[in-house]
Amino acid sequence: MKFDHLKALPLTDRLLAMEALWQSFAHTPALNIIPEWHQQVLSARLQKLHAGQEQTIAR
């Protein structure tokens, strides 16, 4: 399917297609879709957070 085909769909159908894509990601282990370097950064930040070396910003 090409992007132009998606753009031609009515809004409701595009939203349903987007939802189907997001649901397909839910069945894929995160480590398979997140690059290794990004996983390393996230892990390091979580370790610092749990060790009290990082703070979150509440909005």
PDB file of N, CA and C in Angstrom:
ATOM      1  N   MET A   1       0.850  -1.176   0.000  1.00  0.00           N
ATOM      2  CA  MET A   1       0.000   0.000   0.000  1.00  0.00           C
ATOM      3  C   MET A   1       0.894   1.237   0.000  1.00  0.00           C
ATOM      4  N   LYS A   2       0.531   2.191  -0.787  1.00  0.00           N
ATOM      5  CA  LYS A   2       1.288   3.433  -0.864  1.00  0.00           C
ATOM      6  C   LYS A   2       0.636   4.504   0.000  1.00  0.00           C
ATOM      7  N   PHE A   3       1.437   5.469   0.390  1.00  0.00           N
ATOM      8  CA  PHE A   3       0.945   6.562   1.228  1.00  0.00           C
ATOM      9  C   PHE A   3      -0.204   7.301   0.557  1.00  0.00           C
ATOM     10  N   ASP A   4      -0.128   7.480  -0.745  1.00  0.00           N
ATOM     11  CA  ASP A   4      -1.204   8.183  -1.455  1.00  0.00           C
ATOM     12  C   ASP A   4      -2.544   7.468  -1.306  1.00  0.00           C
ATOM     13  N   HIS A   5      -2.503   6.131  -1.225  1.00  0.00           N
ATOM     14  CA  HIS A   5      -3.741   5.379  -1.026  1.00  0.00           C
ATOM     15  C   HIS A   5      -4.336   5.686   0.346  1.00  0.00           C
ATOM     16  N   LEU A   6      -3.469   5.794   1.339  1.00  0.00           N
ATOM     17  CA  LEU A   6      -3.959   6.112   2.683  1.00  0.00           C
ATOM     18  C   LEU A   6      -4.528   7.515   2.753  1.00  0.00           C
ATOM     19  N   LYS A   7      -3.858   8.465   2.100  1.00  0.00           N
ATOM     20  CA  LYS A   7      -4.341   9.852   2.135  1.00  0.00           C
ATOM     21  C   LYS A   7      -5.711   9.979   1.488  1.00  0.00           C
ATOM     22  N   ALA A   8      -6.026   9.083   0.560  1.00  0.00           N
ATOM     23  CA  ALA A   8      -7.296   9.164  -0.160  1.00  0.00           C
ATOM     24  C   ALA A   8      -8.456   8.594   0.655  1.00  0.00           C
ATOM     25  N   LEU A   9      -8.150   7.852   1.717  1.00  0.00           N
ATOM     26  CA  LEU A   9      -9.210   7.263   2.537  1.00  0.00           C
ATOM     27  C   LEU A   9      -9.917   8.330   3.365  1.00  0.00           C
ATOM     28  N   PRO A  10     -11.173   8.076   3.695  1.00  0.00           N
ATOM     29  CA  PRO A  10     -11.872   8.986   4.610  1.00  0.00           C
ATOM     30  C   PRO A  10     -11.176   8.992   5.973  1.00  0.00           C
ATOM     31  N   LEU A  11     -11.355  10.055   6.712  1.00  0.00           N
ATOM     32  CA  LEU A  11     -10.690  10.216   8.009  1.00  0.00           C
ATOM     33  C   LEU A  11     -10.941   9.020   8.930  1.00  0.00           C
ATOM     34  N   THR A  12     -12.167   8.562   9.000  1.00  0.00           N
ATOM     35  CA  THR A  12     -12.483   7.435   9.882  1.00  0.00           C
ATOM     36  C   THR A  12     -11.667   6.199   9.507  1.00  0.00           C
ATOM     37  N   ASP A  13     -11.542   5.915   8.229  1.00  0.00           N
ATOM     38  CA  ASP A  13     -10.770   4.759   7.783  1.00  0.00           C
ATOM     39  C   ASP A  13      -9.281   4.937   8.059  1.00  0.00           C
ATOM     40  N   ARG A  14      -8.778   6.163   7.927  1.00  0.00           N
ATOM     41  CA  ARG A  14      -7.370   6.413   8.242  1.00  0.00           C
ATOM     42  C   ARG A  14      -7.103   6.210   9.722  1.00  0.00           C
ATOM     43  N   LEU A  15      -8.035   6.666  10.572  1.00  0.00           N
ATOM     44  CA  LEU A  15      -7.882   6.459  12.011  1.00  0.00           C
ATOM     45  C   LEU A  15      -7.919   4.972  12.365  1.00  0.00           C
ATOM     46  N   LEU A  16      -8.788   4.224  11.717  1.00  0.00           N
ATOM     47  CA  LEU A  16      -8.853   2.783  11.960  1.00  0.00           C
ATOM     48  C   LEU A  16      -7.563   2.099  11.515  1.00  0.00           C
ATOM     49  N   ALA A  17      -7.009   2.530  10.395  1.00  0.00           N
ATOM     50  CA  ALA A  17      -5.737   1.964   9.922  1.00  0.00           C
ATOM     51  C   ALA A  17      -4.622   2.278  10.909  1.00  0.00           C
ATOM     52  N   MET A  18      -4.609   3.506  11.423  1.00  0.00           N
ATOM     53  CA  MET A  18      -3.589   3.896  12.397  1.00  0.00           C
ATOM     54  C   MET A  18      -3.721   3.062  13.670  1.00  0.00           C
ATOM     55  N   GLU A  19      -4.936   2.852  14.123  1.00  0.00           N
ATOM     56  CA  GLU A  19      -5.167   2.036  15.312  1.00  0.00           C
ATOM     57  C   GLU A  19      -4.689   0.603  15.089  1.00  0.00           C
ATOM     58  N   ALA A  20      -4.943   0.062  13.907  1.00  0.00           N
ATOM     59  CA  ALA A  20      -4.494  -1.299  13.596  1.00  0.00           C
ATOM     60  C   ALA A  20      -2.971  -1.383  13.622  1.00  0.00           C
ATOM     61  N   LEU A  21      -2.304  -0.353  13.121  1.00  0.00           N
ATOM     62  CA  LEU A  21      -0.835  -0.336  13.163  1.00  0.00           C
ATOM     63  C   LEU A  21      -0.332  -0.300  14.596  1.00  0.00           C
ATOM     64  N   TRP A  22      -0.911   0.564  15.425  1.00  0.00           N
ATOM     65  CA  TRP A  22      -0.484   0.651  16.823  1.00  0.00           C
ATOM     66  C   TRP A  22      -0.708  -0.667  17.544  1.00  0.00           C
ATOM     67  N   GLN A  23      -1.832  -1.318  17.283  1.00  0.00           N
ATOM     68  CA  GLN A  23      -2.103  -2.604  17.919  1.00  0.00           C
ATOM     69  C   GLN A  23      -1.093  -3.655  17.483  1.00  0.00           C
ATOM     70  N   SER A  24      -0.635  -3.573  16.230  1.00  0.00           N
ATOM     71  CA  SER A  24       0.361  -4.544  15.767  1.00  0.00           C
ATOM     72  C   SER A  24       1.684  -4.349  16.507  1.00  0.00           C
ATOM     73  N   PHE A  25       1.998  -3.123  16.906  1.00  0.00           N
ATOM     74  CA  PHE A  25       3.215  -2.880  17.680  1.00  0.00           C
ATOM     75  C   PHE A  25       3.114  -3.494  19.072  1.00  0.00           C
ATOM     76  N   ALA A  26       1.913  -3.567  19.615  1.00  0.00           N
ATOM     77  CA  ALA A  26       1.722  -4.117  20.950  1.00  0.00           C
ATOM     78  C   ALA A  26       2.113  -5.590  21.011  1.00  0.00           C
ATOM     79  N   HIS A  27       2.093  -6.259  19.873  1.00  0.00           N
ATOM     80  CA  HIS A  27       2.437  -7.682  19.816  1.00  0.00           C
ATOM     81  C   HIS A  27       3.893  -7.906  19.426  1.00  0.00           C
ATOM     82  N   THR A  28       4.656  -6.817  19.308  1.00  0.00           N
ATOM     83  CA  THR A  28       6.069  -6.910  18.964  1.00  0.00           C
ATOM     84  C   THR A  28       6.876  -6.544  20.195  1.00  0.00           C
ATOM     85  N   PRO A  29       7.766  -7.431  20.634  1.00  0.00           N
ATOM     86  CA  PRO A  29       8.592  -7.070  21.792  1.00  0.00           C
ATOM     87  C   PRO A  29       9.325  -5.748  21.549  1.00  0.00           C
ATOM     88  N   ALA A  30       9.341  -4.891  22.560  1.00  0.00           N
ATOM     89  CA  ALA A  30       9.922  -3.550  22.419  1.00  0.00           C
ATOM     90  C   ALA A  30      11.369  -3.594  21.963  1.00  0.00           C
ATOM     91  N   LEU A  31      12.114  -4.588  22.410  1.00  0.00           N
ATOM     92  CA  LEU A  31      13.528  -4.639  22.046  1.00  0.00           C
ATOM     93  C   LEU A  31      13.723  -4.879  20.557  1.00  0.00           C
ATOM     94  N   ASN A  32      12.699  -5.372  19.882  1.00  0.00           N
ATOM     95  CA  ASN A  32      12.820  -5.597  18.445  1.00  0.00           C
ATOM     96  C   ASN A  32      12.576  -4.340  17.626  1.00  0.00           C
ATOM     97  N   ILE A  33      11.920  -3.339  18.226  1.00  0.00           N
ATOM     98  CA  ILE A  33      11.624  -2.129  17.458  1.00  0.00           C
ATOM     99  C   ILE A  33      12.401  -0.917  17.954  1.00  0.00           C
ATOM    100  N   ILE A  34      13.016  -1.040  19.131  1.00  0.00           N
ATOM    101  CA  ILE A  34      13.820   0.063  19.665  1.00  0.00           C
ATOM    102  C   ILE A  34      15.286  -0.231  19.356  1.00  0.00           C
ATOM    103  N   PRO A  35      15.989   0.701  18.709  1.00  0.00           N
ATOM    104  CA  PRO A  35      17.408   0.461  18.427  1.00  0.00           C
ATOM    105  C   PRO A  35      18.190   0.214  19.718  1.00  0.00           C
ATOM    106  N   GLU A  36      19.228  -0.596  19.638  1.00  0.00           N
ATOM    107  CA  GLU A  36      20.025  -0.958  20.811  1.00  0.00           C
ATOM    108  C   GLU A  36      20.550   0.273  21.541  1.00  0.00           C
ATOM    109  N   TRP A  37      21.055   1.279  20.793  1.00  0.00           N
ATOM    110  CA  TRP A  37      21.617   2.463  21.444  1.00  0.00           C
ATOM    111  C   TRP A  37      20.550   3.200  22.239  1.00  0.00           C
ATOM    112  N   HIS A  38      19.313   3.206  21.709  1.00  0.00           N
ATOM    113  CA  HIS A  38      18.224   3.901  22.388  1.00  0.00           C
ATOM    114  C   HIS A  38      17.835   3.145  23.656  1.00  0.00           C
ATOM    115  N   GLN A  39      17.819   1.817  23.582  1.00  0.00           N
ATOM    116  CA  GLN A  39      17.513   1.015  24.755  1.00  0.00           C
ATOM    117  C   GLN A  39      18.556   1.247  25.851  1.00  0.00           C
ATOM    118  N   GLN A  40      19.818   1.388  25.457  1.00  0.00           N
ATOM    119  CA  GLN A  40      20.888   1.642  26.427  1.00  0.00           C
ATOM    120  C   GLN A  40      20.688   2.985  27.133  1.00  0.00           C
ATOM    121  N   VAL A  41      20.322   4.000  26.367  1.00  0.00           N
ATOM    122  CA  VAL A  41      20.076   5.327  26.948  1.00  0.00           C
ATOM    123  C   VAL A  41      18.902   5.263  27.922  1.00  0.00           C
ATOM    124  N   LEU A  42      17.823   4.607  27.515  1.00  0.00           N
ATOM    125  CA  LEU A  42      16.655   4.496  28.394  1.00  0.00           C
ATOM    126  C   LEU A  42      16.994   3.733  29.674  1.00  0.00           C
ATOM    127  N   SER A  43      17.738   2.645  29.539  1.00  0.00           N
ATOM    128  CA  SER A  43      18.120   1.859  30.718  1.00  0.00           C
ATOM    129  C   SER A  43      18.978   2.673  31.677  1.00  0.00           C
ATOM    130  N   ALA A  44      19.931   3.412  31.137  1.00  0.00           N
ATOM    131  CA  ALA A  44      20.807   4.238  31.977  1.00  0.00           C
ATOM    132  C   ALA A  44      20.000   5.307  32.706  1.00  0.00           C
ATOM    133  N   ARG A  45      19.057   5.921  32.020  1.00  0.00           N
ATOM    134  CA  ARG A  45      18.236   6.957  32.654  1.00  0.00           C
ATOM    135  C   ARG A  45      17.349   6.374  33.744  1.00  0.00           C
ATOM    136  N   LEU A  46      16.778   5.190  33.499  1.00  0.00           N
ATOM    137  CA  LEU A  46      15.955   4.555  34.524  1.00  0.00           C
ATOM    138  C   LEU A  46      16.785   4.173  35.742  1.00  0.00           C
ATOM    139  N   GLN A  47      17.993   3.700  35.533  1.00  0.00           N
ATOM    140  CA  GLN A  47      18.865   3.365  36.661  1.00  0.00           C
ATOM    141  C   GLN A  47      19.148   4.601  37.508  1.00  0.00           C
ATOM    142  N   LYS A  48      19.448   5.716  36.849  1.00  0.00           N
ATOM    143  CA  LYS A  48      19.699   6.962  37.578  1.00  0.00           C
ATOM    144  C   LYS A  48      18.450   7.424  38.328  1.00  0.00           C
ATOM    145  N   LEU A  49      17.301   7.285  37.704  1.00  0.00           N
ATOM    146  CA  LEU A  49      16.048   7.688  38.344  1.00  0.00           C
ATOM    147  C   LEU A  49      15.807   6.859  39.609  1.00  0.00           C
ATOM    148  N   HIS A  50      15.969   5.540  39.497  1.00  0.00           N
ATOM    149  CA  HIS A  50      15.741   4.660  40.644  1.00  0.00           C
ATOM    150  C   HIS A  50      16.792   4.859  41.736  1.00  0.00           C
ATOM    151  N   ALA A  51      17.971   5.334  41.361  1.00  0.00           N
ATOM    152  CA  ALA A  51      19.026   5.580  42.346  1.00  0.00           C
ATOM    153  C   ALA A  51      18.905   6.970  42.969  1.00  0.00           C
ATOM    154  N   GLY A  52      17.911   7.748  42.542  1.00  0.00           N
ATOM    155  CA  GLY A  52      17.715   9.078  43.070  1.00  0.00           C
ATOM    156  C   GLY A  52      18.653  10.121  42.483  1.00  0.00           C
ATOM    157  N   GLN A  53      19.283   9.795  41.364  1.00  0.00           N
ATOM    158  CA  GLN A  53      20.230  10.714  40.725  1.00  0.00           C
ATOM    159  C   GLN A  53      19.577  11.530  39.614  1.00  0.00           C
ATOM    160  N   GLU A  54      18.337  11.257  39.310  1.00  0.00           N
ATOM    161  CA  GLU A  54      17.587  11.992  38.295  1.00  0.00           C
ATOM    162  C   GLU A  54      16.260  12.404  38.897  1.00  0.00           C
ATOM    163  N   GLN A  55      15.705  13.480  38.370  1.00  0.00           N
ATOM    164  CA  GLN A  55      14.401  13.949  38.808  1.00  0.00           C
ATOM    165  C   GLN A  55      13.474  14.035  37.602  1.00  0.00           C
ATOM    166  N   THR A  56      12.208  13.890  37.876  1.00  0.00           N
ATOM    167  CA  THR A  56      11.217  14.086  36.821  1.00  0.00           C
ATOM    168  C   THR A  56      10.629  15.473  36.942  1.00  0.00           C
ATOM    169  N   ILE A  57      10.036  15.925  35.893  1.00  0.00           N
ATOM    170  CA  ILE A  57       9.376  17.237  35.893  1.00  0.00           C
ATOM    171  C   ILE A  57       7.879  16.999  35.825  1.00  0.00           C
ATOM    172  N   ALA A  58       7.176  17.414  36.846  1.00  0.00           N
ATOM    173  CA  ALA A  58       5.714  17.277  36.862  1.00  0.00           C
ATOM    174  C   ALA A  58       5.115  18.472  36.151  1.00  0.00           C
ATOM    175  N   ARG A  59       4.199  18.206  35.312  1.00  0.00           N
ATOM    176  CA  ARG A  59       3.522  19.292  34.569  1.00  0.00           C
ATOM    177  C   ARG A  59       2.077  19.302  34.888  1.00  0.00           C
TER     178      ARG A  59
END
